[in-house]
């Protein structure tokens, strides 16, 4: 399994750059990945979504879908696309240190 140094920590990733062990995730890693995903700064609204995704993923064992994020985090689809442009569910999962959501290409 490939590894990568992010924010001074070596983590395991898959071929698409998703962390394979959510326990290796830190907020510092999230900030670096966010910049790579085109989100230069994580606001309180971003963290609300990321924290929901991590909690939902920990209980279900998989990354939440776009609909699960909007319903669970209390944001509209439009707001989610504004926070995480161009593929928000996939970006949220990657920034949150989780696997790629099912159904994402």
Protein backbone atom coordinates (compact mmCIF):
# COMPACT_ATOMS: atom_id res chain seq x y z
CA UNK A 1 0.00 0.00 0.00
CA UNK A 2 1.41 3.40 -0.93
CA UNK A 3 2.22 5.95 1.74
CA UNK A 4 2.47 9.70 1.64
CA UNK A 5 3.85 12.40 3.91
CA UNK A 6 1.16 14.98 4.71
CA UNK A 7 1.59 17.72 7.31
CA UNK A 8 4.66 15.96 8.72
CA UNK A 9 2.94 12.59 9.16
CA UNK A 10 3.31 9.46 7.03
CA UNK A 11 -0.11 8.04 6.15
CA UNK A 12 -1.36 5.15 4.05
CA UNK A 13 -3.25 6.15 0.90
CA UNK A 14 -4.83 4.39 -2.04
CA UNK A 15 -4.10 5.10 -5.72
CA UNK A 16 -6.53 8.04 -5.72
CA UNK A 17 -5.01 9.70 -2.64
CA UNK A 18 -7.70 8.75 -0.12
CA UNK A 19 -6.45 7.79 3.33
CA UNK A 20 -6.97 4.08 3.91
CA UNK A 21 -6.85 4.32 7.71
CA UNK A 22 -9.15 7.04 9.10
CA UNK A 23 -7.33 6.80 12.45
CA UNK A 24 -4.26 8.41 10.83
CA UNK A 25 -6.25 11.58 10.03
CA UNK A 26 -5.61 14.89 11.79
CA UNK A 27 -7.00 18.39 11.31
CA UNK A 28 -3.58 19.43 9.97
CA UNK A 29 -3.77 16.70 7.33
CA UNK A 30 -7.29 17.87 6.46
CA UNK A 31 -6.04 21.42 5.90
CA UNK A 32 -3.32 20.25 3.49
CA UNK A 33 -5.70 18.00 1.53
CA UNK A 34 -8.28 20.80 1.40
CA UNK A 35 -5.79 23.09 -0.34
CA UNK A 36 -5.03 20.28 -2.82
CA UNK A 37 -8.77 19.98 -3.45
CA UNK A 38 -9.14 23.70 -4.17
CA UNK A 39 -10.44 24.72 -0.75
CA UNK A 40 -7.79 27.17 0.49
CA UNK A 41 -9.22 27.70 3.99
CA UNK A 42 -11.52 25.60 6.14
CA UNK A 43 -14.21 27.71 7.82
CA UNK A 44 -16.56 26.70 10.64
CA UNK A 45 -19.09 25.66 7.97
CA UNK A 46 -16.49 23.37 6.35
CA UNK A 47 -15.65 21.80 9.73
CA UNK A 48 -19.35 21.21 10.46
CA UNK A 49 -19.58 19.10 7.28
CA UNK A 50 -16.23 17.36 7.84
CA UNK A 51 -17.07 16.50 11.46
CA UNK A 52 -20.46 15.12 10.41
CA UNK A 53 -18.82 13.00 7.68
CA UNK A 54 -16.26 11.57 10.12
CA UNK A 55 -18.95 10.75 12.71
CA UNK A 56 -21.27 9.20 10.11
CA UNK A 57 -18.42 7.25 8.55
CA UNK A 58 -17.26 5.90 11.90
CA UNK A 59 -20.72 4.55 12.67
CA UNK A 60 -21.53 3.18 9.20
CA UNK A 61 -18.07 2.10 8.06
CA UNK A 62 -18.32 4.04 4.80
CA UNK A 63 -18.23 7.62 3.57
CA UNK A 64 -21.57 9.40 3.54
CA UNK A 65 -23.25 10.24 0.27
CA UNK A 66 -24.10 13.76 -0.82
CA UNK A 67 -27.70 13.34 0.36
CA UNK A 68 -26.60 11.96 3.73
CA UNK A 69 -24.25 14.93 4.17
CA UNK A 70 -26.88 17.53 3.33
CA UNK A 71 -29.47 15.93 5.60
CA UNK A 72 -27.12 15.13 8.47
CA UNK A 73 -25.00 18.28 8.48
CA UNK A 74 -27.96 20.58 7.89
CA UNK A 75 -26.65 22.24 4.72
CA UNK A 76 -28.38 22.56 1.39
CA UNK A 77 -26.94 21.00 -1.73
CA UNK A 78 -26.22 24.51 -3.03
CA UNK A 79 -24.32 25.38 0.15
CA UNK A 80 -22.37 22.12 -0.03
CA UNK A 81 -21.32 22.83 -3.62
CA UNK A 82 -20.28 26.35 -2.58
CA UNK A 83 -18.14 24.97 0.26
CA UNK A 84 -16.68 22.06 -1.74
CA UNK A 85 -16.99 22.87 -5.47
CA UNK A 86 -17.05 20.21 -8.19
CA UNK A 87 -17.79 16.91 -6.48
CA UNK A 88 -18.47 17.79 -2.85
CA UNK A 89 -19.09 14.27 -1.48
CA UNK A 90 -15.78 13.05 -2.88
CA UNK A 91 -13.91 16.13 -1.64
CA UNK A 92 -15.47 15.91 1.82
CA UNK A 93 -14.51 12.24 2.08
CA UNK A 94 -10.91 12.89 1.01
CA UNK A 95 -10.50 15.90 3.33
CA UNK A 96 -12.15 13.97 6.20
CA UNK A 97 -9.65 11.13 5.78
CA UNK A 98 -12.18 8.58 4.59
CA UNK A 99 -12.60 6.31 1.60
CA UNK A 100 -14.22 7.37 -1.64
CA UNK A 101 -18.04 7.40 -1.34
CA UNK A 102 -19.92 4.67 -3.16
CA UNK A 103 -21.24 5.82 -6.49
CA UNK A 104 -18.55 8.48 -7.04
CA UNK A 105 -16.63 8.21 -10.28
